[in-house]
PDB file of N, CA and C in Angstrom:
ATOM      1  N   MET A   1     -16.430  10.359  -6.430  1.00  0.00           N
ATOM      2  CA  MET A   1     -15.058  10.614  -6.853  1.00  0.00           C
ATOM      3  C   MET A   1     -14.664  12.017  -6.422  1.00  0.00           C
ATOM      4  N   ILE A   2     -13.428  12.117  -5.975  1.00  0.00           N
ATOM      5  CA  ILE A   2     -12.909  13.446  -5.656  1.00  0.00           C
ATOM      6  C   ILE A   2     -11.745  13.763  -6.583  1.00  0.00           C
ATOM      7  N   ASP A   3     -11.425  15.034  -6.677  1.00  0.00           N
ATOM      8  CA  ASP A   3     -10.329  15.490  -7.527  1.00  0.00           C
ATOM      9  C   ASP A   3      -9.199  15.957  -6.621  1.00  0.00           C
ATOM     10  N   MET A   4      -7.992  15.460  -6.905  1.00  0.00           N
ATOM     11  CA  MET A   4      -6.828  15.843  -6.100  1.00  0.00           C
ATOM     12  C   MET A   4      -5.597  15.722  -6.980  1.00  0.00           C
ATOM     13  N   ASP A   5      -4.761  16.745  -6.969  1.00  0.00           N
ATOM     14  CA  ASP A   5      -3.555  16.682  -7.797  1.00  0.00           C
ATOM     15  C   ASP A   5      -2.554  15.686  -7.206  1.00  0.00           C
ATOM     16  N   ALA A   6      -1.605  15.301  -8.019  1.00  0.00           N
ATOM     17  CA  ALA A   6      -0.648  14.244  -7.656  1.00  0.00           C
ATOM     18  C   ALA A   6       0.174  14.609  -6.423  1.00  0.00           C
ATOM     19  N   ASP A   7       0.600  15.860  -6.306  1.00  0.00           N
ATOM     20  CA  ASP A   7       1.423  16.265  -5.159  1.00  0.00           C
ATOM     21  C   ASP A   7       0.642  16.206  -3.852  1.00  0.00           C
ATOM     22  N   THR A   8      -0.603  16.654  -3.877  1.00  0.00           N
ATOM     23  CA  THR A   8      -1.442  16.612  -2.682  1.00  0.00           C
ATOM     24  C   THR A   8      -1.726  15.168  -2.287  1.00  0.00           C
ATOM     25  N   PHE A   9      -1.990  14.316  -3.287  1.00  0.00           N
ATOM     26  CA  PHE A   9      -2.235  12.903  -3.017  1.00  0.00           C
ATOM     27  C   PHE A   9      -1.001  12.260  -2.388  1.00  0.00           C
ATOM     28  N   GLU A  10       0.169  12.537  -2.939  1.00  0.00           N
ATOM     29  CA  GLU A  10       1.409  11.975  -2.393  1.00  0.00           C
ATOM     30  C   GLU A  10       1.628  12.423  -0.950  1.00  0.00           C
ATOM     31  N   ALA A  11       1.348  13.683  -0.676  1.00  0.00           N
ATOM     32  CA  ALA A  11       1.490  14.184   0.690  1.00  0.00           C
ATOM     33  C   ALA A  11       0.511  13.480   1.630  1.00  0.00           C
ATOM     34  N   LEU A  12      -0.703  13.215   1.164  1.00  0.00           N
ATOM     35  CA  LEU A  12      -1.688  12.517   1.982  1.00  0.00           C
ATOM     36  C   LEU A  12      -1.246  11.083   2.264  1.00  0.00           C
ATOM     37  N   VAL A  13      -0.718  10.402   1.268  1.00  0.00           N
ATOM     38  CA  VAL A  13      -0.197   9.044   1.475  1.00  0.00           C
ATOM     39  C   VAL A  13       0.921   9.085   2.514  1.00  0.00           C
ATOM     40  N   GLY A  14       1.795  10.072   2.425  1.00  0.00           N
ATOM     41  CA  GLY A  14       2.875  10.213   3.405  1.00  0.00           C
ATOM     42  C   GLY A  14       2.346  10.423   4.814  1.00  0.00           C
ATOM     43  N   GLU A  15       1.313  11.249   4.959  1.00  0.00           N
ATOM     44  CA  GLU A  15       0.706  11.481   6.272  1.00  0.00           C
ATOM     45  C   GLU A  15       0.111  10.194   6.840  1.00  0.00           C
ATOM     46  N   VAL A  16      -0.606   9.467   5.989  1.00  0.00           N
ATOM     47  CA  VAL A  16      -1.231   8.218   6.439  1.00  0.00           C
ATOM     48  C   VAL A  16      -0.152   7.208   6.824  1.00  0.00           C
ATOM     49  N   PHE A  17       0.886   7.090   6.005  1.00  0.00           N
ATOM     50  CA  PHE A  17       1.982   6.167   6.308  1.00  0.00           C
ATOM     51  C   PHE A  17       2.649   6.535   7.630  1.00  0.00           C
ATOM     52  N   ASP A  18       2.925   7.821   7.831  1.00  0.00           N
ATOM     53  CA  ASP A  18       3.594   8.266   9.058  1.00  0.00           C
ATOM     54  C   ASP A  18       2.760   8.001  10.299  1.00  0.00           C
ATOM     55  N   ALA A  19       1.451   7.890  10.155  1.00  0.00           N
ATOM     56  CA  ALA A  19       0.564   7.634  11.294  1.00  0.00           C
ATOM     57  C   ALA A  19       0.410   6.147  11.612  1.00  0.00           C
ATOM     58  N   LEU A  20       0.962   5.270  10.769  1.00  0.00           N
ATOM     59  CA  LEU A  20       0.871   3.827  11.028  1.00  0.00           C
ATOM     60  C   LEU A  20       1.695   3.479  12.265  1.00  0.00           C
ATOM     61  N   PRO A  21       1.305   2.444  12.983  1.00  0.00           N
ATOM     62  CA  PRO A  21       2.048   2.058  14.196  1.00  0.00           C
ATOM     63  C   PRO A  21       3.500   1.679  13.875  1.00  0.00           C
ATOM     64  N   ASP A  22       4.394   2.049  14.781  1.00  0.00           N
ATOM     65  CA  ASP A  22       5.817   1.750  14.586  1.00  0.00           C
ATOM     66  C   ASP A  22       6.069   0.266  14.380  1.00  0.00           C
ATOM     67  N   ASN A  23       5.362  -0.590  15.127  1.00  0.00           N
ATOM     68  CA  ASN A  23       5.619  -2.028  14.992  1.00  0.00           C
ATOM     69  C   ASN A  23       5.191  -2.560  13.632  1.00  0.00           C
ATOM     70  N   MET A  24       4.402  -1.807  12.883  1.00  0.00           N
ATOM     71  CA  MET A  24       4.023  -2.221  11.537  1.00  0.00           C
ATOM     72  C   MET A  24       5.064  -1.795  10.511  1.00  0.00           C
ATOM     73  N   VAL A  25       5.659  -0.632  10.695  1.00  0.00           N
ATOM     74  CA  VAL A  25       6.546  -0.097   9.668  1.00  0.00           C
ATOM     75  C   VAL A  25       8.037  -0.261   9.972  1.00  0.00           C
ATOM     76  N   ASP A  26       8.380  -0.529  11.220  1.00  0.00           N
ATOM     77  CA  ASP A  26       9.802  -0.660  11.566  1.00  0.00           C
ATOM     78  C   ASP A  26      10.491  -1.798  10.817  1.00  0.00           C
ATOM     79  N   GLY A  27       9.763  -2.841  10.477  1.00  0.00           N
ATOM     80  CA  GLY A  27      10.345  -3.982   9.783  1.00  0.00           C
ATOM     81  C   GLY A  27      10.399  -3.839   8.278  1.00  0.00           C
ATOM     82  N   LEU A  28       9.920  -2.735   7.740  1.00  0.00           N
ATOM     83  CA  LEU A  28       9.923  -2.527   6.289  1.00  0.00           C
ATOM     84  C   LEU A  28      11.324  -2.124   5.841  1.00  0.00           C
ATOM     85  N   VAL A  29      12.128  -3.117   5.592  1.00  0.00           N
ATOM     86  CA  VAL A  29      13.503  -2.887   5.177  1.00  0.00           C
ATOM     87  C   VAL A  29      13.599  -3.125   3.676  1.00  0.00           C
ATOM     88  N   ASN A  30      14.164  -2.159   2.965  1.00  0.00           N
ATOM     89  CA  ASN A  30      14.352  -2.262   1.528  1.00  0.00           C
ATOM     90  C   ASN A  30      13.014  -2.416   0.802  1.00  0.00           C
ATOM     91  N   VAL A  31      12.039  -1.598   1.196  1.00  0.00           N
ATOM     92  CA  VAL A  31      10.724  -1.576   0.564  1.00  0.00           C
ATOM     93  C   VAL A  31      10.445  -0.147   0.110  1.00  0.00           C
ATOM     94  N   ALA A  32      10.175   0.011  -1.171  1.00  0.00           N
ATOM     95  CA  ALA A  32       9.841   1.318  -1.724  1.00  0.00           C
ATOM     96  C   ALA A  32       8.327   1.427  -1.865  1.00  0.00           C
ATOM     97  N   ILE A  33       7.794   2.577  -1.516  1.00  0.00           N
ATOM     98  CA  ILE A  33       6.370   2.830  -1.726  1.00  0.00           C
ATOM     99  C   ILE A  33       6.266   3.813  -2.884  1.00  0.00           C
ATOM    100  N   MET A  34       5.613   3.348  -3.937  1.00  0.00           N
ATOM    101  CA  MET A  34       5.491   4.130  -5.164  1.00  0.00           C
ATOM    102  C   MET A  34       4.026   4.486  -5.387  1.00  0.00           C
ATOM    103  N   ILE A  35       3.794   5.703  -5.821  1.00  0.00           N
ATOM    104  CA  ILE A  35       2.446   6.130  -6.168  1.00  0.00           C
ATOM    105  C   ILE A  35       2.371   6.179  -7.685  1.00  0.00           C
ATOM    106  N   GLU A  36       1.409   5.442  -8.213  1.00  0.00           N
ATOM    107  CA  GLU A  36       1.197   5.382  -9.648  1.00  0.00           C
ATOM    108  C   GLU A  36      -0.251   5.782  -9.928  1.00  0.00           C
ATOM    109  N   ASP A  37      -0.504   6.285 -11.125  1.00  0.00           N
ATOM    110  CA  ASP A  37      -1.871   6.675 -11.453  1.00  0.00           C
ATOM    111  C   ASP A  37      -2.795   5.471 -11.551  1.00  0.00           C
ATOM    112  N   LEU A  38      -2.363   4.436 -12.272  1.00  0.00           N
ATOM    113  CA  LEU A  38      -3.197   3.263 -12.530  1.00  0.00           C
ATOM    114  C   LEU A  38      -2.354   1.998 -12.482  1.00  0.00           C
ATOM    115  N   PRO A  39      -2.992   0.865 -12.187  1.00  0.00           N
ATOM    116  CA  PRO A  39      -2.271  -0.400 -12.327  1.00  0.00           C
ATOM    117  C   PRO A  39      -1.981  -0.682 -13.801  1.00  0.00           C
ATOM    118  N   GLU A  40      -1.141  -1.662 -14.039  1.00  0.00           N
ATOM    119  CA  GLU A  40      -0.713  -1.993 -15.396  1.00  0.00           C
ATOM    120  C   GLU A  40      -1.867  -2.244 -16.354  1.00  0.00           C
ATOM    121  N   ASP A  41      -2.943  -2.868 -15.860  1.00  0.00           N
ATOM    122  CA  ASP A  41      -4.068  -3.189 -16.742  1.00  0.00           C
ATOM    123  C   ASP A  41      -5.006  -2.005 -16.964  1.00  0.00           C
ATOM    124  N   GLY A  42      -4.739  -0.883 -16.318  1.00  0.00           N
ATOM    125  CA  GLY A  42      -5.535   0.317 -16.516  1.00  0.00           C
ATOM    126  C   GLY A  42      -6.877   0.324 -15.801  1.00  0.00           C
ATOM    127  N   SER A  43      -7.142  -0.682 -14.993  1.00  0.00           N
ATOM    128  CA  SER A  43      -8.446  -0.779 -14.334  1.00  0.00           C
ATOM    129  C   SER A  43      -8.510   0.122 -13.109  1.00  0.00           C
ATOM    130  N   LEU A  44      -9.730   0.336 -12.636  1.00  0.00           N
ATOM    131  CA  LEU A  44      -9.944   1.083 -11.405  1.00  0.00           C
ATOM    132  C   LEU A  44     -10.258   0.151 -10.243  1.00  0.00           C
ATOM    133  N   ASP A  45     -10.070  -1.150 -10.447  1.00  0.00           N
ATOM    134  CA  ASP A  45     -10.423  -2.145  -9.435  1.00  0.00           C
ATOM    135  C   ASP A  45      -9.333  -2.386  -8.398  1.00  0.00           C
ATOM    136  N   LEU A  46      -8.097  -2.128  -8.734  1.00  0.00           N
ATOM    137  CA  LEU A  46      -6.977  -2.425  -7.849  1.00  0.00           C
ATOM    138  C   LEU A  46      -6.482  -1.136  -7.197  1.00  0.00           C
ATOM    139  N   LEU A  47      -6.453  -1.122  -5.861  1.00  0.00           N
ATOM    140  CA  LEU A  47      -6.056   0.080  -5.124  1.00  0.00           C
ATOM    141  C   LEU A  47      -4.577   0.096  -4.783  1.00  0.00           C
ATOM    142  N   GLY A  48      -3.976  -1.083  -4.653  1.00  0.00           N
ATOM    143  CA  GLY A  48      -2.565  -1.190  -4.327  1.00  0.00           C
ATOM    144  C   GLY A  48      -2.068  -2.579  -4.644  1.00  0.00           C
ATOM    145  N   LEU A  49      -0.745  -2.732  -4.673  1.00  0.00           N
ATOM    146  CA  LEU A  49      -0.165  -4.031  -4.992  1.00  0.00           C
ATOM    147  C   LEU A  49       1.223  -4.128  -4.370  1.00  0.00           C
ATOM    148  N   TYR A  50       1.486  -5.276  -3.739  1.00  0.00           N
ATOM    149  CA  TYR A  50       2.818  -5.564  -3.210  1.00  0.00           C
ATOM    150  C   TYR A  50       3.573  -6.352  -4.261  1.00  0.00           C
ATOM    151  N   HIS A  51       4.760  -5.868  -4.621  1.00  0.00           N
ATOM    152  CA  HIS A  51       5.642  -6.546  -5.566  1.00  0.00           C
ATOM    153  C   HIS A  51       6.860  -7.008  -4.784  1.00  0.00           C
ATOM    154  N   GLY A  52       7.012  -8.311  -4.623  1.00  0.00           N
ATOM    155  CA  GLY A  52       8.175  -8.800  -3.906  1.00  0.00           C
ATOM    156  C   GLY A  52       7.939 -10.188  -3.357  1.00  0.00           C
ATOM    157  N   VAL A  53       8.835 -10.601  -2.506  1.00  0.00           N
ATOM    158  CA  VAL A  53       8.756 -11.905  -1.858  1.00  0.00           C
ATOM    159  C   VAL A  53       8.501 -11.668  -0.378  1.00  0.00           C
ATOM    160  N   ALA A  54       7.416 -12.219   0.122  1.00  0.00           N
ATOM    161  CA  ALA A  54       7.066 -12.034   1.530  1.00  0.00           C
ATOM    162  C   ALA A  54       8.180 -12.538   2.435  1.00  0.00           C
ATOM    163  N   LEU A  55       8.313 -11.919   3.586  1.00  0.00           N
ATOM    164  CA  LEU A  55       9.351 -12.333   4.534  1.00  0.00           C
ATOM    165  C   LEU A  55       9.246 -13.810   4.892  1.00  0.00           C
ATOM    166  N   THR A  56       8.035 -14.330   4.951  1.00  0.00           N
ATOM    167  CA  THR A  56       7.838 -15.738   5.312  1.00  0.00           C
ATOM    168  C   THR A  56       8.287 -16.691   4.214  1.00  0.00           C
ATOM    169  N   ASP A  57       8.502 -16.177   3.008  1.00  0.00           N
ATOM    170  CA  ASP A  57       8.910 -17.021   1.878  1.00  0.00           C
ATOM    171  C   ASP A  57      10.368 -16.833   1.480  1.00  0.00           C
ATOM    172  N   ARG A  58      11.109 -16.024   2.197  1.00  0.00           N
ATOM    173  CA  ARG A  58      12.501 -15.752   1.848  1.00  0.00           C
ATOM    174  C   ARG A  58      13.442 -16.699   2.571  1.00  0.00           C
ATOM    175  N   ASP A  59      14.452 -17.126   1.849  1.00  0.00           N
ATOM    176  CA  ASP A  59      15.518 -17.882   2.496  1.00  0.00           C
ATOM    177  C   ASP A  59      16.475 -16.918   3.172  1.00  0.00           C
ATOM    178  N   GLN A  60      16.879 -15.921   2.429  1.00  0.00           N
ATOM    179  CA  GLN A  60      17.764 -14.892   2.959  1.00  0.00           C
ATOM    180  C   GLN A  60      17.597 -13.657   2.103  1.00  0.00           C
ATOM    181  N   TYR A  61      18.028 -12.557   2.618  1.00  0.00           N
ATOM    182  CA  TYR A  61      17.932 -11.299   1.889  1.00  0.00           C
ATOM    183  C   TYR A  61      19.319 -10.708   1.881  1.00  0.00           C
ATOM    184  N   GLY A  62      19.901 -10.599   0.702  1.00  0.00           N
ATOM    185  CA  GLY A  62      21.306 -10.221   0.632  1.00  0.00           C
ATOM    186  C   GLY A  62      21.539  -8.807   0.154  1.00  0.00           C
ATOM    187  N   PHE A  63      22.766  -8.437   0.174  1.00  0.00           N
ATOM    188  CA  PHE A  63      23.218  -7.118  -0.259  1.00  0.00           C
ATOM    189  C   PHE A  63      23.023  -6.971  -1.762  1.00  0.00           C
ATOM    190  N   GLY A  64      22.599  -5.808  -2.187  1.00  0.00           N
ATOM    191  CA  GLY A  64      22.516  -5.499  -3.607  1.00  0.00           C
ATOM    192  C   GLY A  64      21.222  -5.906  -4.277  1.00  0.00           C
ATOM    193  N   GLU A  65      20.278  -6.460  -3.545  1.00  0.00           N
ATOM    194  CA  GLU A  65      19.012  -6.828  -4.159  1.00  0.00           C
ATOM    195  C   GLU A  65      18.142  -5.591  -4.332  1.00  0.00           C
ATOM    196  N   LEU A  66      17.359  -5.597  -5.400  1.00  0.00           N
ATOM    197  CA  LEU A  66      16.424  -4.498  -5.614  1.00  0.00           C
ATOM    198  C   LEU A  66      15.382  -4.508  -4.506  1.00  0.00           C
ATOM    199  N   PRO A  67      14.879  -3.343  -4.155  1.00  0.00           N
ATOM    200  CA  PRO A  67      13.875  -3.313  -3.087  1.00  0.00           C
ATOM    201  C   PRO A  67      12.554  -3.918  -3.536  1.00  0.00           C
ATOM    202  N   ASP A  68      11.816  -4.448  -2.559  1.00  0.00           N
ATOM    203  CA  ASP A  68      10.435  -4.792  -2.811  1.00  0.00           C
ATOM    204  C   ASP A  68       9.706  -3.465  -3.020  1.00  0.00           C
ATOM    205  N   MET A  69       8.489  -3.546  -3.564  1.00  0.00           N
ATOM    206  CA  MET A  69       7.779  -2.317  -3.852  1.00  0.00           C
ATOM    207  C   MET A  69       6.299  -2.471  -3.498  1.00  0.00           C
ATOM    208  N   ILE A  70       5.757  -1.428  -2.943  1.00  0.00           N
ATOM    209  CA  ILE A  70       4.320  -1.330  -2.732  1.00  0.00           C
ATOM    210  C   ILE A  70       3.830  -0.213  -3.639  1.00  0.00           C
ATOM    211  N   SER A  71       2.924  -0.562  -4.547  1.00  0.00           N
ATOM    212  CA  SER A  71       2.322   0.433  -5.430  1.00  0.00           C
ATOM    213  C   SER A  71       0.996   0.873  -4.836  1.00  0.00           C
ATOM    214  N   ILE A  72       0.789   2.171  -4.789  1.00  0.00           N
ATOM    215  CA  ILE A  72      -0.484   2.762  -4.384  1.00  0.00           C
ATOM    216  C   ILE A  72      -1.039   3.444  -5.641  1.00  0.00           C
ATOM    217  N   TYR A  73      -2.255   3.073  -6.039  1.00  0.00           N
ATOM    218  CA  TYR A  73      -2.823   3.556  -7.300  1.00  0.00           C
ATOM    219  C   TYR A  73      -3.776   4.723  -7.046  1.00  0.00           C
ATOM    220  N   ARG A  74      -3.369   5.883  -7.506  1.00  0.00           N
ATOM    221  CA  ARG A  74      -4.069   7.135  -7.232  1.00  0.00           C
ATOM    222  C   ARG A  74      -5.463   7.193  -7.853  1.00  0.00           C
ATOM    223  N   ASP A  75      -5.585   6.942  -9.144  1.00  0.00           N
ATOM    224  CA  ASP A  75      -6.879   7.095  -9.812  1.00  0.00           C
ATOM    225  C   ASP A  75      -7.959   6.176  -9.244  1.00  0.00           C
ATOM    226  N   PRO A  76      -7.678   4.892  -9.006  1.00  0.00           N
ATOM    227  CA  PRO A  76      -8.715   4.055  -8.395  1.00  0.00           C
ATOM    228  C   PRO A  76      -9.130   4.524  -6.998  1.00  0.00           C
ATOM    229  N   LEU A  77      -8.164   4.982  -6.204  1.00  0.00           N
ATOM    230  CA  LEU A  77      -8.498   5.472  -4.864  1.00  0.00           C
ATOM    231  C   LEU A  77      -9.342   6.745  -4.946  1.00  0.00           C
ATOM    232  N   LEU A  78      -8.992   7.641  -5.851  1.00  0.00           N
ATOM    233  CA  LEU A  78      -9.782   8.853  -6.016  1.00  0.00           C
ATOM    234  C   LEU A  78     -11.179   8.544  -6.534  1.00  0.00           C
ATOM    235  N   ALA A  79     -11.292   7.553  -7.410  1.00  0.00           N
ATOM    236  CA  ALA A  79     -12.605   7.168  -7.945  1.00  0.00           C
ATOM    237  C   ALA A  79     -13.500   6.570  -6.872  1.00  0.00           C
ATOM    238  N   LEU A  80     -12.902   5.893  -5.921  1.00  0.00           N
ATOM    239  CA  LEU A  80     -13.647   5.239  -4.839  1.00  0.00           C
ATOM    240  C   LEU A  80     -14.070   6.214  -3.749  1.00  0.00           C
ATOM    241  N   ALA A  81     -13.262   7.225  -3.511  1.00  0.00           N
ATOM    242  CA  ALA A  81     -13.448   8.091  -2.350  1.00  0.00           C
ATOM    243  C   ALA A  81     -14.635   9.036  -2.512  1.00  0.00           C
ATOM    244  N   GLU A  82     -15.377   9.148  -1.421  1.00  0.00           N
ATOM    245  CA  GLU A  82     -16.521  10.064  -1.378  1.00  0.00           C
ATOM    246  C   GLU A  82     -16.085  11.470  -0.958  1.00  0.00           C
ATOM    247  N   ASP A  83     -15.052  11.534  -0.129  1.00  0.00           N
ATOM    248  CA  ASP A  83     -14.501  12.812   0.338  1.00  0.00           C
ATOM    249  C   ASP A  83     -13.082  12.541   0.836  1.00  0.00           C
ATOM    250  N   VAL A  84     -12.410  13.575   1.317  1.00  0.00           N
ATOM    251  CA  VAL A  84     -11.014  13.433   1.725  1.00  0.00           C
ATOM    252  C   VAL A  84     -10.875  12.485   2.916  1.00  0.00           C
ATOM    253  N   ASN A  85     -11.809  12.520   3.852  1.00  0.00           N
ATOM    254  CA  ASN A  85     -11.736  11.594   4.990  1.00  0.00           C
ATOM    255  C   ASN A  85     -11.874  10.151   4.544  1.00  0.00           C
ATOM    256  N   HIS A  86     -12.785   9.894   3.625  1.00  0.00           N
ATOM    257  CA  HIS A  86     -12.950   8.536   3.089  1.00  0.00           C
ATOM    258  C   HIS A  86     -11.689   8.116   2.326  1.00  0.00           C
ATOM    259  N   LEU A  87     -11.108   9.047   1.573  1.00  0.00           N
ATOM    260  CA  LEU A  87      -9.856   8.762   0.854  1.00  0.00           C
ATOM    261  C   LEU A  87      -8.756   8.392   1.842  1.00  0.00           C
ATOM    262  N   ARG A  88      -8.634   9.148   2.911  1.00  0.00           N
ATOM    263  CA  ARG A  88      -7.625   8.863   3.940  1.00  0.00           C
ATOM    264  C   ARG A  88      -7.823   7.448   4.500  1.00  0.00           C
ATOM    265  N   GLU A  89      -9.074   7.073   4.779  1.00  0.00           N
ATOM    266  CA  GLU A  89      -9.376   5.725   5.287  1.00  0.00           C
ATOM    267  C   GLU A  89      -8.984   4.653   4.275  1.00  0.00           C
ATOM    268  N   GLN A  90      -9.289   4.887   3.003  1.00  0.00           N
ATOM    269  CA  GLN A  90      -8.984   3.894   1.975  1.00  0.00           C
ATOM    270  C   GLN A  90      -7.481   3.764   1.746  1.00  0.00           C
ATOM    271  N   ILE A  91      -6.764   4.863   1.832  1.00  0.00           N
ATOM    272  CA  ILE A  91      -5.299   4.802   1.733  1.00  0.00           C
ATOM    273  C   ILE A  91      -4.751   3.997   2.908  1.00  0.00           C
ATOM    274  N   HIS A  92      -5.274   4.241   4.101  1.00  0.00           N
ATOM    275  CA  HIS A  92      -4.846   3.500   5.290  1.00  0.00           C
ATOM    276  C   HIS A  92      -5.072   2.003   5.099  1.00  0.00           C
ATOM    277  N   VAL A  93      -6.268   1.623   4.691  1.00  0.00           N
ATOM    278  CA  VAL A  93      -6.594   0.207   4.477  1.00  0.00           C
ATOM    279  C   VAL A  93      -5.671  -0.393   3.420  1.00  0.00           C
ATOM    280  N   THR A  94      -5.430   0.345   2.355  1.00  0.00           N
ATOM    281  CA  THR A  94      -4.579  -0.162   1.268  1.00  0.00           C
ATOM    282  C   THR A  94      -3.139  -0.344   1.743  1.00  0.00           C
ATOM    283  N   LEU A  95      -2.600   0.623   2.453  1.00  0.00           N
ATOM    284  CA  LEU A  95      -1.233   0.487   2.972  1.00  0.00           C
ATOM    285  C   LEU A  95      -1.120  -0.692   3.927  1.00  0.00           C
ATOM    286  N   VAL A  96      -2.056  -0.806   4.859  1.00  0.00           N
ATOM    287  CA  VAL A  96      -2.023  -1.926   5.812  1.00  0.00           C
ATOM    288  C   VAL A  96      -2.101  -3.254   5.062  1.00  0.00           C
ATOM    289  N   HIS A  97      -2.970  -3.326   4.085  1.00  0.00           N
ATOM    290  CA  HIS A  97      -3.151  -4.549   3.297  1.00  0.00           C
ATOM    291  C   HIS A  97      -1.842  -4.948   2.601  1.00  0.00           C
ATOM    292  N   GLU A  98      -1.214  -4.004   1.930  1.00  0.00           N
ATOM    293  CA  GLU A  98       0.005  -4.317   1.174  1.00  0.00           C
ATOM    294  C   GLU A  98       1.192  -4.568   2.095  1.00  0.00           C
ATOM    295  N   ILE A  99       1.293  -3.852   3.196  1.00  0.00           N
ATOM    296  CA  ILE A  99       2.346  -4.114   4.177  1.00  0.00           C
ATOM    297  C   ILE A  99       2.177  -5.503   4.769  1.00  0.00           C
ATOM    298  N   ALA A 100       0.932  -5.902   5.009  1.00  0.00           N
ATOM    299  CA  ALA A 100       0.665  -7.250   5.531  1.00  0.00           C
ATOM    300  C   ALA A 100       1.185  -8.308   4.563  1.00  0.00           C
ATOM    301  N   HIS A 101       1.030  -8.076   3.267  1.00  0.00           N
ATOM    302  CA  HIS A 101       1.559  -9.043   2.288  1.00  0.00           C
ATOM    303  C   HIS A 101       3.083  -9.122   2.383  1.00  0.00           C
ATOM    304  N   PHE A 102       3.750  -8.014   2.637  1.00  0.00           N
ATOM    305  CA  PHE A 102       5.197  -8.034   2.839  1.00  0.00           C
ATOM    306  C   PHE A 102       5.563  -8.969   3.993  1.00  0.00           C
ATOM    307  N   TYR A 103       4.772  -8.937   5.056  1.00  0.00           N
ATOM    308  CA  TYR A 103       5.034  -9.785   6.222  1.00  0.00           C
ATOM    309  C   TYR A 103       4.534 -11.219   6.047  1.00  0.00           C
ATOM    310  N   GLY A 104       3.902 -11.510   4.901  1.00  0.00           N
ATOM    311  CA  GLY A 104       3.457 -12.877   4.636  1.00  0.00           C
ATOM    312  C   GLY A 104       2.038 -13.175   5.081  1.00  0.00           C
ATOM    313  N   ILE A 105       1.265 -12.149   5.367  1.00  0.00           N
ATOM    314  CA  ILE A 105      -0.133 -12.339   5.754  1.00  0.00           C
ATOM    315  C   ILE A 105      -0.963 -12.329   4.475  1.00  0.00           C
ATOM    316  N   ASP A 106      -1.658 -13.435   4.191  1.00  0.00           N
ATOM    317  CA  ASP A 106      -2.429 -13.529   2.953  1.00  0.00           C
ATOM    318  C   ASP A 106      -3.823 -12.913   3.115  1.00  0.00           C
ATOM    319  N   ASP A 107      -4.564 -12.854   2.007  1.00  0.00           N
ATOM    320  CA  ASP A 107      -5.876 -12.219   2.010  1.00  0.00           C
ATOM    321  C   ASP A 107      -6.851 -12.880   2.969  1.00  0.00           C
ATOM    322  N   ASP A 108      -6.827 -14.205   3.045  1.00  0.00           N
ATOM    323  CA  ASP A 108      -7.736 -14.902   3.962  1.00  0.00           C
ATOM    324  C   ASP A 108      -7.479 -14.483   5.408  1.00  0.00           C
ATOM    325  N   GLU A 109      -6.204 -14.426   5.789  1.00  0.00           N
ATOM    326  CA  GLU A 109      -5.865 -14.030   7.154  1.00  0.00           C
ATOM    327  C   GLU A 109      -6.197 -12.548   7.392  1.00  0.00           C
ATOM    328  N   LEU A 110      -5.996 -11.719   6.359  1.00  0.00           N
ATOM    329  CA  LEU A 110      -6.354 -10.312   6.477  1.00  0.00           C
ATOM    330  C   LEU A 110      -7.843 -10.147   6.748  1.00  0.00           C
ATOM    331  N   HIS A 111      -8.664 -10.936   6.036  1.00  0.00           N
ATOM    332  CA  HIS A 111     -10.103 -10.873   6.243  1.00  0.00           C
ATOM    333  C   HIS A 111     -10.460 -11.368   7.648  1.00  0.00           C
ATOM    334  N   ALA A 112      -9.817 -12.441   8.075  1.00  0.00           N
ATOM    335  CA  ALA A 112     -10.093 -12.991   9.403  1.00  0.00           C
ATOM    336  C   ALA A 112      -9.725 -11.981  10.503  1.00  0.00           C
ATOM    337  N   LEU A 113      -8.674 -11.199  10.253  1.00  0.00           N
ATOM    338  CA  LEU A 113      -8.251 -10.189  11.219  1.00  0.00           C
ATOM    339  C   LEU A 113      -9.082  -8.910  11.127  1.00  0.00           C
ATOM    340  N   GLY A 114      -9.918  -8.826  10.073  1.00  0.00           N
ATOM    341  CA  GLY A 114     -10.728  -7.624   9.869  1.00  0.00           C
ATOM    342  C   GLY A 114      -9.977  -6.498   9.227  1.00  0.00           C
ATOM    343  N   TRP A 115      -8.854  -6.778   8.586  1.00  0.00           N
ATOM    344  CA  TRP A 115      -8.034  -5.750   7.945  1.00  0.00           C
ATOM    345  C   TRP A 115      -8.348  -5.564   6.476  1.00  0.00           C
ATOM    346  N   ALA A 116      -9.201  -6.401   5.915  1.00  0.00           N
ATOM    347  CA  ALA A 116      -9.509  -6.292   4.489  1.00  0.00           C
ATOM    348  C   ALA A 116     -10.951  -6.601   4.246  1.00  0.00           C
TER     349      ALA A 116
END
């Protein structure tokens, strides 16, 4: 486990997100990325969560709808990380995983692609 304050963690998530390929993030329309300390159940098992309807399951997306949300959970990621480089890798994997869910890629396909 490493120790990192909330502002530094948020900046690191921003750096990792900014380094993602354009073709992965250009389609993220009306998606908020939120950093939370813990998931709702308080566990350290969940690193991130996509809240929304995958693009493959939408009929249409209209004006005035609330954004989908990707939650990144700080405490579980910090508990898992051995050092800052490992934390950066885990944030990357978590962002890719949750963004994939936005695009309709399920866990089985993520594993088959080697992304999870």
